[in-house]
């Protein structure tokens, strides 16, 4: 492993991941504090309704969201290396325009649909106005342009600060709602304000960093004019949008389906279990966010990015093994301490979910490798097929085994995603000598 750390790209991945990890640890704790206050301050049914309200907004934003941060890294990073600021402005302006358009579509569609399905997903008519209020966050939730700018400019430290501020405000607002006995409305409004302030802070950081590096007029939204000057722009954003919209909606849609089939109390338990699972898999997620920008600077025809992926996956798997043991040993008492004995049933669900933890963490580089190799359509097919099969399994297994069936379906879905993504990645590696460097694709 000494040779691993002699690789500058590998060290950069770990450095940037450490920035994110420093905030994510606090973020996870604060998130659990916020959920703990909500779980203790509300009945299980109202807690489940609160989760569904948040999940609905997240789900809609995930469905319409373009992965503009990946577009900026994919096309903007080479432009900065070549000191082509006009091209970088085209990239960021196009991304900003996509964020505005998709956010408007998500807002209108989400608010129009909710009154028709609110009762089915467990939102009582008297709480519908609060759920509609939360939907007004959808436009800002869809925006990924500031994240892409900060990652391209290698300011992961700013992202780390923002990722800590949002859950801090979330926990503070939940604490006030709990001790002041503000009820369901208090929790909805406090979570709303935390999301709003946290997301606006990210825009502030991005704008300030652009000014600091004397990159002006980079946040002027546009669509068709810059797209004509960037070869492959529409193909990339539509493919990655559909793929990530499908997969990003995994968690929120699962909560909505569980709530619709088993009731809001079951949705609350599923939310707790999935939150613990997501927290356990954070090391791989953090490495992925720093892994993608690094391999985009490497030539896909060489072995370096592929070897870097193997090393990163193995390291993530080793961390995942430690995390898995900690979850199995400490998960039950932690859930009891945070949420109370009435929510301990979530640990049984969590134990089932953790069966897929190692596979999920070790295979995190696969999607980024496909994007590097310009195989984003293969990633779309893999993730779309896995998500479709997962949705079918979720409904079938819930009918057969109840909440336990939801956990089994979750494991199957994670494994299917890893398998379907590995096949085209292996093919891309075998034919890597035919791949072109990303900057060659960006000169159109």
Protein backbone atom coordinates (compact mmCIF):
# COMPACT_ATOMS: atom_id res chain seq x y z
CA UNK A 1 0.00 0.00 0.00
CA UNK A 2 3.02 2.32 0.27
CA UNK A 3 3.02 2.43 -3.53
CA UNK A 4 -0.64 3.39 -3.52
CA UNK A 5 0.06 6.56 -1.54
CA UNK A 6 2.89 7.53 -3.86
CA UNK A 7 0.21 8.12 -6.50
CA UNK A 8 -0.69 11.82 -6.47
CA UNK A 9 -4.20 11.17 -7.78
CA UNK A 10 -4.86 8.62 -5.05
CA UNK A 11 -3.64 11.09 -2.41
CA UNK A 12 -5.87 13.80 -3.89
CA UNK A 13 -8.88 11.50 -3.69
CA UNK A 14 -8.19 10.79 -0.03
CA UNK A 15 -7.53 14.45 0.75
CA UNK A 16 -10.77 15.66 -0.77
CA UNK A 17 -12.68 12.76 0.70
CA UNK A 18 -11.30 13.65 4.11
CA UNK A 19 -12.68 17.19 3.74
CA UNK A 20 -16.11 15.76 3.06
CA UNK A 21 -15.76 13.11 5.75
CA UNK A 22 -14.95 15.72 8.37
CA UNK A 23 -18.33 17.32 7.77
CA UNK A 24 -20.28 14.16 7.04
CA UNK A 25 -19.46 12.67 10.42
CA UNK A 26 -20.92 15.69 12.14
CA UNK A 27 -23.70 15.79 9.58
CA UNK A 28 -24.71 12.19 10.30
CA UNK A 29 -24.77 12.84 14.05
CA UNK A 30 -26.77 16.03 13.65
CA UNK A 31 -29.14 14.28 11.26
CA UNK A 32 -29.80 11.58 13.82
CA UNK A 33 -30.35 14.27 16.47
CA UNK A 34 -32.92 15.95 14.23
CA UNK A 35 -34.70 12.66 13.56
CA UNK A 36 -34.54 11.81 17.26
CA UNK A 37 -36.29 15.05 18.22
CA UNK A 38 -38.92 14.44 15.54
CA UNK A 39 -39.40 10.80 16.57
CA UNK A 40 -39.87 11.75 20.21
CA UNK A 41 -41.87 14.91 19.58
CA UNK A 42 -44.39 13.33 17.22
CA UNK A 43 -46.49 10.19 17.18
CA UNK A 44 -45.17 7.40 14.94
CA UNK A 45 -47.88 8.22 12.41
CA UNK A 46 -47.01 11.94 12.28
CA UNK A 47 -43.31 11.16 12.19
CA UNK A 48 -43.95 8.94 9.19
CA UNK A 49 -45.98 11.73 7.55
CA UNK A 50 -43.09 14.16 8.10
CA UNK A 51 -40.74 11.69 6.44
CA UNK A 52 -43.11 11.27 3.50
CA UNK A 53 -43.40 15.05 3.01
CA UNK A 54 -39.63 15.39 2.84
CA UNK A 55 -39.25 12.27 0.73
CA UNK A 56 -41.81 13.51 -1.78
CA UNK A 57 -39.93 16.78 -2.37
CA UNK A 58 -36.63 14.91 -2.62
CA UNK A 59 -38.14 12.35 -4.96
CA UNK A 60 -39.60 14.92 -7.37
CA UNK A 61 -36.36 16.92 -7.43
CA UNK A 62 -34.37 13.74 -8.04
CA UNK A 63 -36.59 12.80 -10.99
CA UNK A 64 -36.21 16.14 -12.80
CA UNK A 65 -32.67 16.97 -11.71
CA UNK A 66 -29.89 17.15 -14.26
CA UNK A 67 -26.46 16.05 -13.05
CA UNK A 68 -25.00 19.42 -13.94
CA UNK A 69 -22.13 19.02 -11.49
CA UNK A 70 -20.89 16.05 -13.51
CA UNK A 71 -21.30 18.04 -16.70
CA UNK A 72 -19.19 20.86 -15.30
CA UNK A 73 -16.44 18.46 -14.18
CA UNK A 74 -16.58 16.55 -17.48
CA UNK A 75 -16.44 19.60 -19.77
CA UNK A 76 -15.34 22.47 -17.55
CA UNK A 77 -12.20 20.99 -16.00
CA UNK A 78 -10.38 20.59 -19.36
CA UNK A 79 -11.39 24.15 -20.28
CA UNK A 80 -9.75 25.50 -17.13
CA UNK A 81 -6.62 23.44 -17.75
CA UNK A 82 -6.42 25.01 -21.21
CA UNK A 83 -7.25 28.44 -19.70
CA UNK A 84 -10.25 28.72 -22.01
CA UNK A 85 -12.49 30.84 -19.77
CA UNK A 86 -15.06 31.49 -22.51
CA UNK A 87 -15.64 27.77 -22.82
CA UNK A 88 -15.86 27.41 -19.04
CA UNK A 89 -18.50 30.17 -18.99
CA UNK A 90 -20.44 28.27 -21.66
CA UNK A 91 -20.32 25.15 -19.48
CA UNK A 92 -21.46 26.87 -16.27
CA UNK A 93 -24.07 28.99 -18.05
CA UNK A 94 -25.54 25.94 -19.74
CA UNK A 95 -25.60 24.10 -16.40
CA UNK A 96 -27.28 27.01 -14.64
CA UNK A 97 -29.90 27.20 -17.38
CA UNK A 98 -30.65 23.50 -17.01
CA UNK A 99 -31.01 23.88 -13.26
CA UNK A 100 -33.52 26.70 -13.66
CA UNK A 101 -35.56 24.86 -16.28
CA UNK A 102 -35.65 21.54 -14.44
CA UNK A 103 -36.44 23.25 -11.15
CA UNK A 104 -39.44 25.04 -12.67
CA UNK A 105 -40.75 21.80 -14.18
CA UNK A 106 -40.31 19.96 -10.88
CA UNK A 107 -42.07 22.68 -8.89
CA UNK A 108 -45.11 22.81 -11.16
CA UNK A 109 -45.42 19.04 -11.56
CA UNK A 110 -44.81 18.27 -7.89
CA UNK A 111 -47.36 20.74 -6.58
CA UNK A 112 -49.94 19.78 -9.20
CA UNK A 113 -49.68 16.04 -8.49
CA UNK A 114 -49.52 16.09 -4.69
CA UNK A 115 -53.22 16.87 -3.97
CA UNK A 116 -54.25 13.79 -5.96
CA UNK A 117 -51.92 11.32 -4.19
CA UNK A 118 -51.56 12.89 -0.75
CA UNK A 119 -54.06 10.60 0.96
CA UNK A 120 -52.52 7.48 -0.62
CA UNK A 121 -49.02 8.33 0.63
CA UNK A 122 -50.24 9.10 4.15
CA UNK A 123 -50.59 12.91 4.14
CA UNK A 124 -53.83 13.98 5.82
CA UNK A 125 -55.90 16.73 4.13
CA UNK A 126 -55.24 19.09 7.06
CA UNK A 127 -51.47 18.78 6.46
CA UNK A 128 -51.59 19.20 2.69
CA UNK A 129 -50.79 22.94 2.80
CA UNK A 130 -47.57 22.24 4.71
CA UNK A 131 -46.58 19.56 2.21
CA UNK A 132 -47.20 22.01 -0.65
CA UNK A 133 -45.05 24.59 1.13
CA UNK A 134 -42.21 22.08 1.31
CA UNK A 135 -42.54 21.52 -2.44
CA UNK A 136 -41.38 25.09 -3.05
CA UNK A 137 -37.89 23.84 -2.17
CA UNK A 138 -37.82 21.64 -5.28
CA UNK A 139 -36.14 24.24 -7.56
CA UNK A 140 -33.25 24.81 -5.17
CA UNK A 141 -32.94 21.07 -4.51
CA UNK A 142 -32.45 20.40 -8.21
CA UNK A 143 -29.54 22.84 -8.61
CA UNK A 144 -26.13 21.14 -8.88
CA UNK A 145 -24.23 23.94 -10.65
CA UNK A 146 -22.56 25.35 -7.51
CA UNK A 147 -21.40 21.90 -6.47
CA UNK A 148 -19.88 21.31 -9.90
CA UNK A 149 -18.09 24.66 -9.82
CA UNK A 150 -16.59 24.04 -6.40
CA UNK A 151 -15.47 20.51 -7.32
CA UNK A 152 -13.91 21.70 -10.56
CA UNK A 153 -12.09 24.49 -8.70
CA UNK A 154 -10.96 21.92 -6.09
CA UNK A 155 -12.76 23.64 -3.21
CA UNK A 156 -14.06 20.57 -1.46
CA UNK A 157 -13.51 22.38 1.83
CA UNK A 158 -16.35 24.80 1.00
CA UNK A 159 -18.64 21.87 0.18
CA UNK A 160 -17.70 20.30 3.50
CA UNK A 161 -18.71 23.43 5.41
CA UNK A 162 -22.05 23.65 3.62
CA UNK A 163 -22.79 19.98 4.27
CA UNK A 164 -22.37 20.63 7.97
CA UNK A 165 -24.45 23.81 8.11
CA UNK A 166 -27.65 22.27 6.74
CA UNK A 167 -27.96 19.41 9.28
CA UNK A 168 -26.88 21.79 12.06
CA UNK A 169 -29.82 24.06 11.27
CA UNK A 170 -31.99 21.00 10.84
CA UNK A 171 -31.08 19.73 14.32
CA UNK A 172 -31.45 23.17 15.91
CA UNK A 173 -34.87 23.68 14.36
CA UNK A 174 -36.00 20.21 15.43
CA UNK A 175 -34.80 20.90 18.97
CA UNK A 176 -36.76 24.15 19.13
CA UNK A 177 -39.85 22.43 17.74
CA UNK A 178 -39.54 19.64 20.30
CA UNK A 179 -38.93 21.74 23.44
CA UNK A 180 -41.39 24.46 22.43
CA UNK A 181 -43.97 21.80 21.57
CA UNK A 182 -44.61 23.33 18.13
CA UNK A 183 -46.05 20.11 16.77
CA UNK A 184 -46.03 18.83 13.21
CA UNK A 185 -46.11 22.32 11.66
CA UNK A 186 -43.05 23.38 13.66
CA UNK A 187 -40.99 20.46 12.40
CA UNK A 188 -42.03 20.99 8.76
CA UNK A 189 -41.18 24.71 8.85
CA UNK A 190 -37.86 24.21 10.68
CA UNK A 191 -36.77 21.54 8.20
CA UNK A 192 -37.85 23.82 5.36
CA UNK A 193 -35.73 26.73 6.61
CA UNK A 194 -32.71 24.48 7.18
CA UNK A 195 -32.84 23.22 3.59
CA UNK A 196 -33.31 26.71 2.17
CA UNK A 197 -30.47 28.38 4.05
CA UNK A 198 -28.08 25.47 3.48
CA UNK A 199 -28.65 25.36 -0.27
CA UNK A 200 -28.33 29.14 -0.67
CA UNK A 201 -25.02 28.99 1.19
CA UNK A 202 -23.64 26.68 -1.51
CA UNK A 203 -24.48 29.25 -4.19
CA UNK A 204 -22.76 31.93 -2.11
CA UNK A 205 -19.57 29.86 -1.85
CA UNK A 206 -19.51 29.16 -5.60
CA UNK A 207 -20.03 32.81 -6.57
CA UNK A 208 -17.36 33.97 -4.13
CA UNK A 209 -14.82 31.44 -5.40
CA UNK A 210 -15.45 32.44 -9.01
CA UNK A 211 -14.79 36.08 -8.10
CA UNK A 212 -11.67 35.14 -6.18
CA UNK A 213 -10.26 33.39 -9.25
CA UNK A 214 -11.28 36.28 -11.53
CA UNK A 215 -13.77 34.17 -13.47
CA UNK A 216 -16.54 36.65 -14.19
CA UNK A 217 -19.95 36.20 -15.85
CA UNK A 218 -19.87 32.45 -15.21
CA UNK A 219 -23.35 32.35 -13.67
CA UNK A 220 -25.36 33.74 -16.56
CA UNK A 221 -27.96 31.08 -17.46
CA UNK A 222 -28.27 29.99 -21.08
CA UNK A 223 -29.21 26.83 -22.95
CA UNK A 224 -29.16 26.53 -26.71
CA UNK A 225 -26.32 28.88 -27.65
CA UNK A 226 -23.66 27.27 -25.42
CA UNK A 227 -24.99 23.78 -26.22
CA UNK A 228 -24.20 24.36 -29.89
CA UNK A 229 -20.61 25.19 -28.96
CA UNK A 230 -20.12 22.15 -26.68
CA UNK A 231 -20.04 18.91 -28.61
CA UNK A 232 -22.04 16.15 -26.93
CA UNK A 233 -23.57 18.45 -24.31
CA UNK A 234 -27.20 17.39 -24.71
CA UNK A 235 -26.37 13.70 -25.02
CA UNK A 236 -24.35 13.78 -21.81
CA UNK A 237 -26.82 15.74 -19.69
CA UNK A 238 -29.90 13.82 -20.83
CA UNK A 239 -28.27 10.43 -20.34
CA UNK A 240 -26.86 11.21 -16.91
CA UNK A 241 -30.08 12.96 -15.92
CA UNK A 242 -32.25 9.96 -16.65
CA UNK A 243 -29.82 7.53 -15.03
CA UNK A 244 -29.40 9.54 -11.86
CA UNK A 245 -33.03 10.58 -11.70
CA UNK A 246 -33.96 6.93 -11.60
CA UNK A 247 -31.38 6.00 -9.02
CA UNK A 248 -31.51 9.14 -6.89
CA UNK A 249 -35.23 8.57 -6.43
CA UNK A 250 -34.43 5.11 -4.97
CA UNK A 251 -34.62 6.16 -1.31
CA UNK A 252 -37.46 8.72 -1.44
CA UNK A 253 -39.57 6.54 -3.76
CA UNK A 254 -38.99 3.54 -1.50
CA UNK A 255 -40.29 5.51 1.48
CA UNK A 256 -43.34 6.58 -0.47
CA UNK A 257 -44.07 3.02 -1.67
CA UNK A 258 -43.59 1.56 1.81
CA UNK A 259 -45.84 4.26 3.25
CA UNK A 260 -48.50 3.62 0.62
CA UNK A 261 -48.52 -0.16 1.06
CA UNK A 262 -47.83 -0.51 4.79
CA UNK A 263 -48.77 2.88 6.25
CA UNK A 264 -46.83 5.89 7.56
CA UNK A 265 -45.54 4.07 10.67
CA UNK A 266 -43.79 1.51 8.49
CA UNK A 267 -42.42 4.34 6.33
CA UNK A 268 -40.90 5.85 9.46
CA UNK A 269 -39.18 2.58 10.37
CA UNK A 270 -37.90 2.16 6.82
CA UNK A 271 -36.59 5.74 6.87
CA UNK A 272 -34.65 5.11 10.08
CA UNK A 273 -33.11 1.89 8.74
CA UNK A 274 -32.22 3.43 5.37
CA UNK A 275 -30.73 6.48 7.11
CA UNK A 276 -28.39 4.23 9.09
CA UNK A 277 -27.49 2.30 5.93
CA UNK A 278 -26.73 5.50 4.04
CA UNK A 279 -24.61 6.74 6.93
CA UNK A 280 -22.69 3.45 6.91
CA UNK A 281 -21.98 3.76 3.18
CA UNK A 282 -20.86 7.39 3.38
CA UNK A 283 -17.11 6.62 3.09
CA UNK A 284 -17.62 5.22 -0.40
CA UNK A 285 -19.91 8.10 -1.39
CA UNK A 286 -17.33 10.62 -0.27
CA UNK A 287 -14.55 8.89 -2.18
CA UNK A 288 -16.74 8.78 -5.28
CA UNK A 289 -17.24 12.54 -5.23
CA UNK A 290 -13.49 13.13 -5.22
CA UNK A 291 -12.69 10.10 -7.42
CA UNK A 292 -14.62 11.34 -10.48
CA UNK A 293 -12.81 14.69 -10.91
CA UNK A 294 -9.42 12.97 -10.54
CA UNK A 295 -9.92 10.29 -13.21
CA UNK A 296 -11.24 12.91 -15.63
CA UNK A 297 -7.68 14.29 -15.65
CA UNK A 298 -6.24 10.89 -16.67
CA UNK A 299 -6.11 9.17 -20.05
CA UNK A 300 -8.70 6.34 -20.23
CA UNK A 301 -6.47 4.30 -22.58
CA UNK A 302 -3.83 3.96 -19.85
CA UNK A 303 -4.05 1.62 -16.89
CA UNK A 304 -3.77 4.43 -14.36
CA UNK A 305 -7.46 5.33 -13.91
CA UNK A 306 -8.48 1.67 -13.83
CA UNK A 307 -5.80 0.82 -11.28
CA UNK A 308 -6.85 3.84 -9.27
CA UNK A 309 -10.41 2.49 -9.28
CA UNK A 310 -9.28 -0.91 -7.98
CA UNK A 311 -7.27 0.65 -5.17
CA UNK A 312 -10.10 2.99 -4.23
CA UNK A 313 -12.65 0.18 -4.28
CA UNK A 314 -10.51 -2.08 -2.11
CA UNK A 315 -9.89 0.70 0.38
CA UNK A 316 -13.60 1.47 0.53
CA UNK A 317 -14.35 -2.23 1.02
CA UNK A 318 -11.94 -2.41 3.95
CA UNK A 319 -13.56 0.60 5.56
CA UNK A 320 -16.95 -0.91 4.83
CA UNK A 321 -16.06 -4.09 6.73
CA UNK A 322 -15.23 -2.05 9.82
CA UNK A 323 -18.40 -0.01 9.47
CA UNK A 324 -20.46 -3.17 9.02
CA UNK A 325 -19.18 -4.58 12.32
CA UNK A 326 -19.92 -1.31 14.10
CA UNK A 327 -23.48 -1.23 12.74
CA UNK A 328 -24.18 -4.83 13.75
CA UNK A 329 -22.79 -4.29 17.26
CA UNK A 330 -24.04 -0.79 18.01
CA UNK A 331 -27.01 -0.27 15.73
CA UNK A 332 -29.75 -1.52 18.06
CA UNK A 333 -28.76 0.41 21.19
CA UNK A 334 -28.16 3.54 19.10
CA UNK A 335 -31.63 3.37 17.55
CA UNK A 336 -33.17 2.79 20.99
CA UNK A 337 -31.24 5.73 22.44
CA UNK A 338 -32.04 8.09 19.58
CA UNK A 339 -35.65 7.20 18.81
CA UNK A 340 -36.95 5.14 21.73
CA UNK A 341 -37.93 1.51 22.13
CA UNK A 342 -40.93 1.84 19.82
CA UNK A 343 -38.53 2.20 16.87
CA UNK A 344 -36.16 -0.69 17.69
CA UNK A 345 -37.89 -2.78 15.04
CA UNK A 346 -35.97 -0.72 12.49
CA UNK A 347 -32.77 -2.55 13.54
CA UNK A 348 -34.09 -5.86 12.19
CA UNK A 349 -34.60 -4.12 8.86
CA UNK A 350 -31.15 -2.56 9.05
CA UNK A 351 -29.51 -5.94 9.62
CA UNK A 352 -31.03 -7.20 6.38
CA UNK A 353 -29.93 -4.10 4.44
CA UNK A 354 -26.31 -4.30 5.60
CA UNK A 355 -25.92 -7.58 3.70
CA UNK A 356 -25.29 -5.47 0.59
CA UNK A 357 -23.02 -2.89 2.24
CA UNK A 358 -19.65 -4.31 1.15
CA UNK A 359 -20.75 -4.81 -2.45
CA UNK A 360 -22.13 -1.29 -2.61
CA UNK A 361 -18.94 0.27 -1.25
CA UNK A 362 -16.42 -1.77 -3.24
CA UNK A 363 -18.12 -1.08 -6.57
CA UNK A 364 -18.52 2.68 -6.16
CA UNK A 365 -15.92 3.54 -8.91
CA UNK A 366 -17.79 1.68 -11.67
CA UNK A 367 -20.18 4.44 -12.69
CA UNK A 368 -17.44 7.08 -12.82
CA UNK A 369 -15.33 4.79 -15.00
CA UNK A 370 -18.18 4.48 -17.47
CA UNK A 371 -18.51 8.26 -17.67
CA UNK A 372 -14.77 8.60 -18.17
CA UNK A 373 -14.98 6.09 -21.02
CA UNK A 374 -17.94 7.99 -22.57
CA UNK A 375 -20.18 5.01 -21.82
CA UNK A 376 -22.88 7.00 -20.04
CA UNK A 377 -25.60 5.23 -22.00
CA UNK A 378 -24.39 1.89 -20.65
CA UNK A 379 -24.63 3.35 -17.14
CA UNK A 380 -28.18 4.46 -17.91
CA UNK A 381 -29.22 0.98 -19.04
CA UNK A 382 -27.57 -0.67 -16.03
CA UNK A 383 -29.09 1.63 -13.43
CA UNK A 384 -32.48 1.78 -15.12
CA UNK A 385 -32.77 -2.00 -15.34
CA UNK A 386 -31.65 -2.43 -11.72
CA UNK A 387 -34.13 0.20 -10.50
CA UNK A 388 -37.00 -1.35 -12.46
CA UNK A 389 -36.33 -4.81 -11.05
CA UNK A 390 -35.95 -3.32 -7.57
CA UNK A 391 -39.34 -1.60 -7.78
CA UNK A 392 -41.00 -4.82 -8.85
CA UNK A 393 -39.28 -6.78 -6.10
CA UNK A 394 -40.20 -4.13 -3.52
CA UNK A 395 -43.92 -4.37 -4.25
CA UNK A 396 -43.91 -8.18 -4.53
CA UNK A 397 -41.86 -8.82 -1.39
CA UNK A 398 -43.80 -6.29 0.69
CA UNK A 399 -47.01 -8.14 -0.19
CA UNK A 400 -45.37 -11.45 0.75
CA UNK A 401 -43.25 -10.54 3.80
CA UNK A 402 -44.30 -7.06 4.89
CA UNK A 403 -41.58 -4.70 6.09
CA UNK A 404 -38.97 -7.47 6.06
CA UNK A 405 -39.68 -7.91 2.36
CA UNK A 406 -38.78 -4.24 1.82
CA UNK A 407 -35.36 -4.92 3.34
CA UNK A 408 -34.78 -7.98 1.17
CA UNK A 409 -35.77 -6.02 -1.94
CA UNK A 410 -33.31 -3.28 -0.97
CA UNK A 411 -30.45 -5.78 -0.81
CA UNK A 412 -31.40 -7.30 -4.15
CA UNK A 413 -31.59 -3.88 -5.76
CA UNK A 414 -28.12 -2.86 -4.58
CA UNK A 415 -26.62 -6.11 -5.82
CA UNK A 416 -28.37 -5.83 -9.18
CA UNK A 417 -27.02 -2.32 -9.65
CA UNK A 418 -23.45 -3.47 -8.95
CA UNK A 419 -23.76 -6.45 -11.32
CA UNK A 420 -25.33 -4.57 -14.22
CA UNK A 421 -22.77 -1.75 -13.93
CA UNK A 422 -19.79 -4.11 -13.72
CA UNK A 423 -20.52 -5.78 -17.08
CA UNK A 424 -20.08 -2.68 -19.31
CA UNK A 425 -17.20 -1.44 -17.13
CA UNK A 426 -15.29 -4.67 -17.74
CA UNK A 427 -15.97 -4.36 -21.46
CA UNK A 428 -14.72 -0.74 -21.47
CA UNK A 429 -11.50 -1.81 -19.74
CA UNK A 430 -10.85 -4.56 -22.26
CA UNK A 431 -11.29 -2.07 -25.11
CA UNK A 432 -9.59 0.85 -23.33
CA UNK A 433 -6.98 1.28 -26.08
CA UNK A 434 -9.72 2.54 -28.38
CA UNK A 435 -10.85 5.25 -25.95
CA UNK A 436 -10.06 8.92 -26.49
CA UNK A 437 -9.00 11.42 -23.86
CA UNK A 438 -11.84 13.54 -22.50
CA UNK A 439 -10.26 16.76 -23.70
CA UNK A 440 -10.40 15.44 -27.30
CA UNK A 441 -14.16 15.07 -26.94
CA UNK A 442 -14.46 18.56 -25.59
CA UNK A 443 -12.92 20.32 -28.56
CA UNK A 444 -16.06 20.20 -30.67
